[in-house]
Amino acid sequence: MPLKTDSIKAKEKSSVRVFPNPAKNKVDIEVNGFEPGYVKLQLLSVSGKMLREEKRLVLTGTEIIIFMFSEVPGFYYLVLTQGAILRKNKLIIQ
């Protein structure tokens, strides 16, 4: 059971901050409380259609990921997942 408790703690202490938001073609994604390893980034339309997916390596679990895109202006979701951690942020592209 300790493994389950650890994943619950990781879910609770992890956070994601996306800036600037609104953005034109690039955002900085500040991740905190993730485990060192790969994080999956997904850019979704408001209808849930996946537009982009990337895997990024985080070394310390707390760092800034630079995410570039060339989508048309509108509302999107940026989803980060790693194991039991799932964080969904709204993103406005100008």
PDB file of N, CA and C in Angstrom:
ATOM      1  N   MET A   1       0.792  -1.226   0.000  1.00  0.00           N
ATOM      2  CA  MET A   1       0.000   0.000   0.000  1.00  0.00           C
ATOM      3  C   MET A   1       0.834   1.291   0.000  1.00  0.00           C
ATOM      4  N   PRO A   2       2.078   1.314   0.434  1.00  0.00           N
ATOM      5  CA  PRO A   2       2.820   2.573   0.443  1.00  0.00           C
ATOM      6  C   PRO A   2       2.894   3.240  -0.941  1.00  0.00           C
ATOM      7  N   LEU A   3       2.945   2.419  -1.989  1.00  0.00           N
ATOM      8  CA  LEU A   3       3.027   2.967  -3.328  1.00  0.00           C
ATOM      9  C   LEU A   3       1.806   3.825  -3.651  1.00  0.00           C
ATOM     10  N   LYS A   4       0.628   3.364  -3.280  1.00  0.00           N
ATOM     11  CA  LYS A   4      -0.601   4.109  -3.527  1.00  0.00           C
ATOM     12  C   LYS A   4      -0.589   5.436  -2.771  1.00  0.00           C
ATOM     13  N   THR A   5      -0.157   5.402  -1.511  1.00  0.00           N
ATOM     14  CA  THR A   5      -0.074   6.620  -0.698  1.00  0.00           C
ATOM     15  C   THR A   5       0.903   7.604  -1.331  1.00  0.00           C
ATOM     16  N   ASP A   6       2.047   7.107  -1.815  1.00  0.00           N
ATOM     17  CA  ASP A   6       3.026   7.975  -2.447  1.00  0.00           C
ATOM     18  C   ASP A   6       2.445   8.659  -3.681  1.00  0.00           C
ATOM     19  N   SER A   7       1.690   7.917  -4.491  1.00  0.00           N
ATOM     20  CA  SER A   7       1.128   8.520  -5.690  1.00  0.00           C
ATOM     21  C   SER A   7       0.051   9.543  -5.334  1.00  0.00           C
ATOM     22  N   ILE A   8      -0.692   9.322  -4.263  1.00  0.00           N
ATOM     23  CA  ILE A   8      -1.687  10.299  -3.808  1.00  0.00           C
ATOM     24  C   ILE A   8      -0.976  11.563  -3.336  1.00  0.00           C
ATOM     25  N   LYS A   9       0.104  11.406  -2.586  1.00  0.00           N
ATOM     26  CA  LYS A   9       0.876  12.569  -2.135  1.00  0.00           C
ATOM     27  C   LYS A   9       1.434  13.334  -3.322  1.00  0.00           C
ATOM     28  N   ALA A  10       1.948  12.631  -4.326  1.00  0.00           N
ATOM     29  CA  ALA A  10       2.490  13.282  -5.525  1.00  0.00           C
ATOM     30  C   ALA A  10       1.402  14.070  -6.236  1.00  0.00           C
ATOM     31  N   LYS A  11       0.192  13.506  -6.332  1.00  0.00           N
ATOM     32  CA  LYS A  11      -0.916  14.201  -6.978  1.00  0.00           C
ATOM     33  C   LYS A  11      -1.251  15.490  -6.238  1.00  0.00           C
ATOM     34  N   GLU A  12      -1.241  15.425  -4.900  1.00  0.00           N
ATOM     35  CA  GLU A  12      -1.630  16.577  -4.092  1.00  0.00           C
ATOM     36  C   GLU A  12      -0.583  17.686  -4.140  1.00  0.00           C
ATOM     37  N   LYS A  13       0.693  17.326  -4.168  1.00  0.00           N
ATOM     38  CA  LYS A  13       1.733  18.360  -4.081  1.00  0.00           C
ATOM     39  C   LYS A  13       2.189  18.871  -5.439  1.00  0.00           C
ATOM     40  N   SER A  14       1.747  18.251  -6.530  1.00  0.00           N
ATOM     41  CA  SER A  14       2.180  18.698  -7.847  1.00  0.00           C
ATOM     42  C   SER A  14       1.345  19.900  -8.304  1.00  0.00           C
ATOM     43  N   SER A  15       1.995  20.780  -9.072  1.00  0.00           N
ATOM     44  CA  SER A  15       1.280  21.930  -9.614  1.00  0.00           C
ATOM     45  C   SER A  15       1.904  22.325 -10.946  1.00  0.00           C
ATOM     46  N   VAL A  16       1.101  23.035 -11.743  1.00  0.00           N
ATOM     47  CA  VAL A  16       1.541  23.506 -13.053  1.00  0.00           C
ATOM     48  C   VAL A  16       1.077  24.946 -13.194  1.00  0.00           C
ATOM     49  N   ARG A  17       1.976  25.807 -13.660  1.00  0.00           N
ATOM     50  CA  ARG A  17       1.628  27.200 -13.934  1.00  0.00           C
ATOM     51  C   ARG A  17       2.058  27.506 -15.362  1.00  0.00           C
ATOM     52  N   VAL A  18       1.140  28.055 -16.167  1.00  0.00           N
ATOM     53  CA  VAL A  18       1.404  28.351 -17.579  1.00  0.00           C
ATOM     54  C   VAL A  18       1.411  29.865 -17.757  1.00  0.00           C
ATOM     55  N   PHE A  19       2.493  30.396 -18.344  1.00  0.00           N
ATOM     56  CA  PHE A  19       2.581  31.838 -18.566  1.00  0.00           C
ATOM     57  C   PHE A  19       3.448  32.117 -19.785  1.00  0.00           C
ATOM     58  N   PRO A  20       3.258  33.198 -20.516  1.00  0.00           N
ATOM     59  CA  PRO A  20       2.104  34.105 -20.380  1.00  0.00           C
ATOM     60  C   PRO A  20       0.837  33.420 -20.892  1.00  0.00           C
ATOM     61  N   ASN A  21      -0.266  33.860 -20.416  1.00  0.00           N
ATOM     62  CA  ASN A  21      -1.546  33.314 -20.828  1.00  0.00           C
ATOM     63  C   ASN A  21      -2.557  34.449 -20.787  1.00  0.00           C
ATOM     64  N   PRO A  22      -2.975  34.989 -21.904  1.00  0.00           N
ATOM     65  CA  PRO A  22      -2.897  34.535 -23.281  1.00  0.00           C
ATOM     66  C   PRO A  22      -1.466  34.585 -23.838  1.00  0.00           C
ATOM     67  N   ALA A  23      -1.236  33.739 -24.868  1.00  0.00           N
ATOM     68  CA  ALA A  23       0.070  33.620 -25.503  1.00  0.00           C
ATOM     69  C   ALA A  23      -0.087  33.692 -27.015  1.00  0.00           C
ATOM     70  N   LYS A  24       1.033  33.942 -27.705  1.00  0.00           N
ATOM     71  CA  LYS A  24       1.006  33.988 -29.171  1.00  0.00           C
ATOM     72  C   LYS A  24       1.515  32.681 -29.774  1.00  0.00           C
ATOM     73  N   ASN A  25       2.746  32.287 -29.444  1.00  0.00           N
ATOM     74  CA  ASN A  25       3.315  31.079 -30.049  1.00  0.00           C
ATOM     75  C   ASN A  25       4.230  30.305 -29.106  1.00  0.00           C
ATOM     76  N   LYS A  26       4.286  30.725 -27.834  1.00  0.00           N
ATOM     77  CA  LYS A  26       5.176  30.070 -26.866  1.00  0.00           C
ATOM     78  C   LYS A  26       4.670  30.318 -25.458  1.00  0.00           C
ATOM     79  N   VAL A  27       4.750  29.277 -24.624  1.00  0.00           N
ATOM     80  CA  VAL A  27       4.466  29.443 -23.194  1.00  0.00           C
ATOM     81  C   VAL A  27       5.571  28.775 -22.390  1.00  0.00           C
ATOM     82  N   ASP A  28       5.753  29.274 -21.195  1.00  0.00           N
ATOM     83  CA  ASP A  28       6.612  28.623 -20.216  1.00  0.00           C
ATOM     84  C   ASP A  28       5.690  27.847 -19.289  1.00  0.00           C
ATOM     85  N   ILE A  29       6.017  26.590 -19.059  1.00  0.00           N
ATOM     86  CA  ILE A  29       5.212  25.740 -18.188  1.00  0.00           C
ATOM     87  C   ILE A  29       6.056  25.423 -16.969  1.00  0.00           C
ATOM     88  N   GLU A  30       5.669  25.986 -15.840  1.00  0.00           N
ATOM     89  CA  GLU A  30       6.394  25.744 -14.594  1.00  0.00           C
ATOM     90  C   GLU A  30       5.781  24.540 -13.900  1.00  0.00           C
ATOM     91  N   VAL A  31       6.560  23.459 -13.782  1.00  0.00           N
ATOM     92  CA  VAL A  31       6.075  22.253 -13.112  1.00  0.00           C
ATOM     93  C   VAL A  31       6.735  22.146 -11.748  1.00  0.00           C
ATOM     94  N   ASN A  32       5.958  21.794 -10.760  1.00  0.00           N
ATOM     95  CA  ASN A  32       6.435  21.602  -9.391  1.00  0.00           C
ATOM     96  C   ASN A  32       5.887  20.295  -8.849  1.00  0.00           C
ATOM     97  N   GLY A  33       6.727  19.549  -8.151  1.00  0.00           N
ATOM     98  CA  GLY A  33       6.264  18.348  -7.481  1.00  0.00           C
ATOM     99  C   GLY A  33       6.140  17.129  -8.372  1.00  0.00           C
ATOM    100  N   PHE A  34       6.686  17.180  -9.575  1.00  0.00           N
ATOM    101  CA  PHE A  34       6.699  16.014 -10.445  1.00  0.00           C
ATOM    102  C   PHE A  34       7.937  15.185 -10.118  1.00  0.00           C
ATOM    103  N   GLU A  35       7.941  13.922 -10.523  1.00  0.00           N
ATOM    104  CA  GLU A  35       9.101  13.056 -10.336  1.00  0.00           C
ATOM    105  C   GLU A  35      10.083  13.295 -11.484  1.00  0.00           C
ATOM    106  N   PRO A  36      11.381  13.171 -11.247  1.00  0.00           N
ATOM    107  CA  PRO A  36      12.313  13.225 -12.375  1.00  0.00           C
ATOM    108  C   PRO A  36      11.953  12.137 -13.384  1.00  0.00           C
ATOM    109  N   GLY A  37      11.930  12.474 -14.644  1.00  0.00           N
ATOM    110  CA  GLY A  37      11.551  11.537 -15.694  1.00  0.00           C
ATOM    111  C   GLY A  37      10.738  12.246 -16.756  1.00  0.00           C
ATOM    112  N   TYR A  38      10.017  11.483 -17.556  1.00  0.00           N
ATOM    113  CA  TYR A  38       9.268  12.067 -18.667  1.00  0.00           C
ATOM    114  C   TYR A  38       7.890  12.544 -18.238  1.00  0.00           C
ATOM    115  N   VAL A  39       7.485  13.688 -18.798  1.00  0.00           N
ATOM    116  CA  VAL A  39       6.156  14.260 -18.620  1.00  0.00           C
ATOM    117  C   VAL A  39       5.538  14.341 -20.006  1.00  0.00           C
ATOM    118  N   LYS A  40       4.287  13.906 -20.131  1.00  0.00           N
ATOM    119  CA  LYS A  40       3.590  13.982 -21.413  1.00  0.00           C
ATOM    120  C   LYS A  40       2.807  15.294 -21.462  1.00  0.00           C
ATOM    121  N   LEU A  41       3.045  16.068 -22.533  1.00  0.00           N
ATOM    122  CA  LEU A  41       2.329  17.324 -22.776  1.00  0.00           C
ATOM    123  C   LEU A  41       1.358  17.102 -23.923  1.00  0.00           C
ATOM    124  N   GLN A  42       0.121  17.527 -23.736  1.00  0.00           N
ATOM    125  CA  GLN A  42      -0.865  17.425 -24.811  1.00  0.00           C
ATOM    126  C   GLN A  42      -1.563  18.769 -24.966  1.00  0.00           C
ATOM    127  N   LEU A  43      -1.702  19.210 -26.202  1.00  0.00           N
ATOM    128  CA  LEU A  43      -2.478  20.401 -26.508  1.00  0.00           C
ATOM    129  C   LEU A  43      -3.782  19.931 -27.121  1.00  0.00           C
ATOM    130  N   LEU A  44      -4.900  20.283 -26.475  1.00  0.00           N
ATOM    131  CA  LEU A  44      -6.223  19.827 -26.913  1.00  0.00           C
ATOM    132  C   LEU A  44      -7.084  21.012 -27.312  1.00  0.00           C
ATOM    133  N   SER A  45      -7.945  20.796 -28.299  1.00  0.00           N
ATOM    134  CA  SER A  45      -8.955  21.801 -28.636  1.00  0.00           C
ATOM    135  C   SER A  45     -10.028  21.764 -27.542  1.00  0.00           C
ATOM    136  N   VAL A  46     -10.905  22.767 -27.543  1.00  0.00           N
ATOM    137  CA  VAL A  46     -11.968  22.776 -26.528  1.00  0.00           C
ATOM    138  C   VAL A  46     -12.907  21.594 -26.679  1.00  0.00           C
ATOM    139  N   SER A  47     -12.968  21.010 -27.874  1.00  0.00           N
ATOM    140  CA  SER A  47     -13.827  19.842 -28.077  1.00  0.00           C
ATOM    141  C   SER A  47     -13.134  18.552 -27.628  1.00  0.00           C
ATOM    142  N   GLY A  48     -11.843  18.652 -27.226  1.00  0.00           N
ATOM    143  CA  GLY A  48     -11.132  17.482 -26.730  1.00  0.00           C
ATOM    144  C   GLY A  48     -10.243  16.807 -27.762  1.00  0.00           C
ATOM    145  N   LYS A  49     -10.182  17.348 -28.986  1.00  0.00           N
ATOM    146  CA  LYS A  49      -9.341  16.761 -30.035  1.00  0.00           C
ATOM    147  C   LYS A  49      -7.869  17.066 -29.743  1.00  0.00           C
ATOM    148  N   MET A  50      -7.026  16.019 -29.788  1.00  0.00           N
ATOM    149  CA  MET A  50      -5.608  16.225 -29.530  1.00  0.00           C
ATOM    150  C   MET A  50      -4.957  16.843 -30.761  1.00  0.00           C
ATOM    151  N   LEU A  51      -4.294  17.990 -30.545  1.00  0.00           N
ATOM    152  CA  LEU A  51      -3.640  18.697 -31.639  1.00  0.00           C
ATOM    153  C   LEU A  51      -2.135  18.452 -31.645  1.00  0.00           C
ATOM    154  N   ARG A  52      -1.558  18.317 -30.470  1.00  0.00           N
ATOM    155  CA  ARG A  52      -0.118  18.051 -30.345  1.00  0.00           C
ATOM    156  C   ARG A  52       0.129  17.212 -29.107  1.00  0.00           C
ATOM    157  N   GLU A  53       1.173  16.385 -29.202  1.00  0.00           N
ATOM    158  CA  GLU A  53       1.580  15.599 -28.040  1.00  0.00           C
ATOM    159  C   GLU A  53       3.102  15.508 -28.056  1.00  0.00           C
ATOM    160  N   GLU A  54       3.706  15.786 -26.914  1.00  0.00           N
ATOM    161  CA  GLU A  54       5.157  15.713 -26.780  1.00  0.00           C
ATOM    162  C   GLU A  54       5.501  15.088 -25.445  1.00  0.00           C
ATOM    163  N   LYS A  55       6.657  14.446 -25.393  1.00  0.00           N
ATOM    164  CA  LYS A  55       7.200  13.977 -24.123  1.00  0.00           C
ATOM    165  C   LYS A  55       8.390  14.854 -23.798  1.00  0.00           C
ATOM    166  N   ARG A  56       8.463  15.324 -22.569  1.00  0.00           N
ATOM    167  CA  ARG A  56       9.574  16.151 -22.139  1.00  0.00           C
ATOM    168  C   ARG A  56      10.207  15.542 -20.898  1.00  0.00           C
ATOM    169  N   LEU A  57      11.518  15.630 -20.840  1.00  0.00           N
ATOM    170  CA  LEU A  57      12.254  15.102 -19.698  1.00  0.00           C
ATOM    171  C   LEU A  57      12.414  16.190 -18.652  1.00  0.00           C
ATOM    172  N   VAL A  58      11.957  15.916 -17.434  1.00  0.00           N
ATOM    173  CA  VAL A  58      12.214  16.826 -16.312  1.00  0.00           C
ATOM    174  C   VAL A  58      13.260  16.162 -15.427  1.00  0.00           C
ATOM    175  N   LEU A  59      14.270  16.923 -15.068  1.00  0.00           N
ATOM    176  CA  LEU A  59      15.389  16.353 -14.329  1.00  0.00           C
ATOM    177  C   LEU A  59      15.197  16.429 -12.824  1.00  0.00           C
ATOM    178  N   THR A  60      14.615  17.527 -12.350  1.00  0.00           N
ATOM    179  CA  THR A  60      14.465  17.698 -10.902  1.00  0.00           C
ATOM    180  C   THR A  60      13.030  17.554 -10.439  1.00  0.00           C
ATOM    181  N   GLY A  61      12.084  17.592 -11.371  1.00  0.00           N
ATOM    182  CA  GLY A  61      10.671  17.536 -10.992  1.00  0.00           C
ATOM    183  C   GLY A  61      10.093  18.910 -10.737  1.00  0.00           C
ATOM    184  N   THR A  62      10.971  19.922 -10.655  1.00  0.00           N
ATOM    185  CA  THR A  62      10.540  21.302 -10.467  1.00  0.00           C
ATOM    186  C   THR A  62      11.365  22.154 -11.424  1.00  0.00           C
ATOM    187  N   GLU A  63      10.764  22.529 -12.531  1.00  0.00           N
ATOM    188  CA  GLU A  63      11.495  23.306 -13.521  1.00  0.00           C
ATOM    189  C   GLU A  63      10.539  23.926 -14.526  1.00  0.00           C
ATOM    190  N   ILE A  64      11.103  24.642 -15.502  1.00  0.00           N
ATOM    191  CA  ILE A  64      10.296  25.308 -16.525  1.00  0.00           C
ATOM    192  C   ILE A  64      10.515  24.618 -17.867  1.00  0.00           C
ATOM    193  N   ILE A  65       9.405  24.262 -18.513  1.00  0.00           N
ATOM    194  CA  ILE A  65       9.418  23.653 -19.839  1.00  0.00           C
ATOM    195  C   ILE A  65       8.945  24.719 -20.821  1.00  0.00           C
ATOM    196  N   ILE A  66       9.679  24.912 -21.903  1.00  0.00           N
ATOM    197  CA  ILE A  66       9.272  25.860 -22.940  1.00  0.00           C
ATOM    198  C   ILE A  66       8.513  25.077 -24.010  1.00  0.00           C
ATOM    199  N   PHE A  67       7.291  25.519 -24.304  1.00  0.00           N
ATOM    200  CA  PHE A  67       6.412  24.827 -25.245  1.00  0.00           C
ATOM    201  C   PHE A  67       6.063  25.788 -26.383  1.00  0.00           C
ATOM    202  N   MET A  68       6.454  25.428 -27.599  1.00  0.00           N
ATOM    203  CA  MET A  68       6.198  26.256 -28.782  1.00  0.00           C
ATOM    204  C   MET A  68       5.022  25.660 -29.568  1.00  0.00           C
ATOM    205  N   PHE A  69       4.251  26.524 -30.229  1.00  0.00           N
ATOM    206  CA  PHE A  69       3.107  26.064 -31.010  1.00  0.00           C
ATOM    207  C   PHE A  69       2.782  27.082 -32.091  1.00  0.00           C
ATOM    208  N   SER A  70       1.971  26.690 -33.039  1.00  0.00           N
ATOM    209  CA  SER A  70       1.539  27.601 -34.119  1.00  0.00           C
ATOM    210  C   SER A  70       0.066  27.367 -34.427  1.00  0.00           C
ATOM    211  N   GLU A  71      -0.730  27.350 -33.389  1.00  0.00           N
ATOM    212  CA  GLU A  71      -2.170  27.116 -33.551  1.00  0.00           C
ATOM    213  C   GLU A  71      -2.890  28.441 -33.818  1.00  0.00           C
ATOM    214  N   VAL A  72      -4.070  28.346 -34.387  1.00  0.00           N
ATOM    215  CA  VAL A  72      -4.877  29.546 -34.635  1.00  0.00           C
ATOM    216  C   VAL A  72      -5.380  30.091 -33.298  1.00  0.00           C
ATOM    217  N   PRO A  73      -5.646  31.405 -33.229  1.00  0.00           N
ATOM    218  CA  PRO A  73      -6.139  31.977 -31.975  1.00  0.00           C
ATOM    219  C   PRO A  73      -7.410  31.275 -31.494  1.00  0.00           C
ATOM    220  N   GLY A  74      -7.518  31.136 -30.181  1.00  0.00           N
ATOM    221  CA  GLY A  74      -8.694  30.514 -29.584  1.00  0.00           C
ATOM    222  C   GLY A  74      -8.395  29.943 -28.214  1.00  0.00           C
ATOM    223  N   PHE A  75      -9.330  29.153 -27.705  1.00  0.00           N
ATOM    224  CA  PHE A  75      -9.209  28.516 -26.403  1.00  0.00           C
ATOM    225  C   PHE A  75      -8.741  27.076 -26.570  1.00  0.00           C
ATOM    226  N   TYR A  76      -7.820  26.660 -25.705  1.00  0.00           N
ATOM    227  CA  TYR A  76      -7.248  25.319 -25.762  1.00  0.00           C
ATOM    228  C   TYR A  76      -7.056  24.792 -24.335  1.00  0.00           C
ATOM    229  N   TYR A  77      -6.734  23.529 -24.230  1.00  0.00           N
ATOM    230  CA  TYR A  77      -6.340  22.928 -22.958  1.00  0.00           C
ATOM    231  C   TYR A  77      -4.934  22.371 -23.113  1.00  0.00           C
ATOM    232  N   LEU A  78      -4.131  22.595 -22.092  1.00  0.00           N
ATOM    233  CA  LEU A  78      -2.795  22.038 -22.026  1.00  0.00           C
ATOM    234  C   LEU A  78      -2.817  21.020 -20.894  1.00  0.00           C
ATOM    235  N   VAL A  79      -2.564  19.739 -21.225  1.00  0.00           N
ATOM    236  CA  VAL A  79      -2.657  18.661 -20.248  1.00  0.00           C
ATOM    237  C   VAL A  79      -1.264  18.063 -20.034  1.00  0.00           C
ATOM    238  N   LEU A  80      -0.853  17.973 -18.769  1.00  0.00           N
ATOM    239  CA  LEU A  80       0.417  17.346 -18.416  1.00  0.00           C
ATOM    240  C   LEU A  80       0.123  16.114 -17.595  1.00  0.00           C
ATOM    241  N   THR A  81       0.725  14.985 -17.960  1.00  0.00           N
ATOM    242  CA  THR A  81       0.538  13.753 -17.204  1.00  0.00           C
ATOM    243  C   THR A  81       1.881  13.090 -16.954  1.00  0.00           C
ATOM    244  N   GLN A  82       1.944  12.484 -15.779  1.00  0.00           N
ATOM    245  CA  GLN A  82       3.101  11.668 -15.397  1.00  0.00           C
ATOM    246  C   GLN A  82       2.616  10.683 -14.349  1.00  0.00           C
ATOM    247  N   GLY A  83       2.538   9.419 -14.717  1.00  0.00           N
ATOM    248  CA  GLY A  83       2.039   8.407 -13.781  1.00  0.00           C
ATOM    249  C   GLY A  83       0.632   8.758 -13.322  1.00  0.00           C
ATOM    250  N   ALA A  84       0.451   8.900 -12.010  1.00  0.00           N
ATOM    251  CA  ALA A  84      -0.862   9.217 -11.443  1.00  0.00           C
ATOM    252  C   ALA A  84      -1.174  10.711 -11.490  1.00  0.00           C
ATOM    253  N   ILE A  85      -0.199  11.533 -11.861  1.00  0.00           N
ATOM    254  CA  ILE A  85      -0.388  12.986 -11.894  1.00  0.00           C
ATOM    255  C   ILE A  85      -1.011  13.396 -13.224  1.00  0.00           C
ATOM    256  N   LEU A  86      -2.085  14.179 -13.149  1.00  0.00           N
ATOM    257  CA  LEU A  86      -2.713  14.744 -14.333  1.00  0.00           C
ATOM    258  C   LEU A  86      -3.094  16.190 -14.012  1.00  0.00           C
ATOM    259  N   ARG A  87      -2.553  17.120 -14.765  1.00  0.00           N
ATOM    260  CA  ARG A  87      -2.865  18.535 -14.554  1.00  0.00           C
ATOM    261  C   ARG A  87      -3.357  19.135 -15.868  1.00  0.00           C
ATOM    262  N   LYS A  88      -4.506  19.805 -15.826  1.00  0.00           N
ATOM    263  CA  LYS A  88      -5.132  20.378 -17.017  1.00  0.00           C
ATOM    264  C   LYS A  88      -5.246  21.886 -16.811  1.00  0.00           C
ATOM    265  N   ASN A  89      -4.724  22.657 -17.772  1.00  0.00           N
ATOM    266  CA  ASN A  89      -4.765  24.124 -17.700  1.00  0.00           C
ATOM    267  C   ASN A  89      -5.428  24.670 -18.949  1.00  0.00           C
ATOM    268  N   LYS A  90      -6.193  25.736 -18.802  1.00  0.00           N
ATOM    269  CA  LYS A  90      -6.751  26.434 -19.956  1.00  0.00           C
ATOM    270  C   LYS A  90      -5.645  27.284 -20.554  1.00  0.00           C
ATOM    271  N   LEU A  91      -5.622  27.372 -21.878  1.00  0.00           N
ATOM    272  CA  LEU A  91      -4.641  28.186 -22.584  1.00  0.00           C
ATOM    273  C   LEU A  91      -5.371  28.996 -23.643  1.00  0.00           C
ATOM    274  N   ILE A  92      -5.124  30.300 -23.650  1.00  0.00           N
ATOM    275  CA  ILE A  92      -5.698  31.181 -24.664  1.00  0.00           C
ATOM    276  C   ILE A  92      -4.569  31.556 -25.616  1.00  0.00           C
ATOM    277  N   ILE A  93      -4.784  31.294 -26.907  1.00  0.00           N
ATOM    278  CA  ILE A  93      -3.816  31.655 -27.923  1.00  0.00           C
ATOM    279  C   ILE A  93      -4.366  32.858 -28.684  1.00  0.00           C
ATOM    280  N   GLN A  94      -3.558  33.902 -28.749  1.00  0.00           N
ATOM    281  CA  GLN A  94      -3.984  35.157 -29.408  1.00  0.00           C
ATOM    282  C   GLN A  94      -3.679  35.116 -30.886  1.00  0.00           C
TER     283      GLN A  94
END
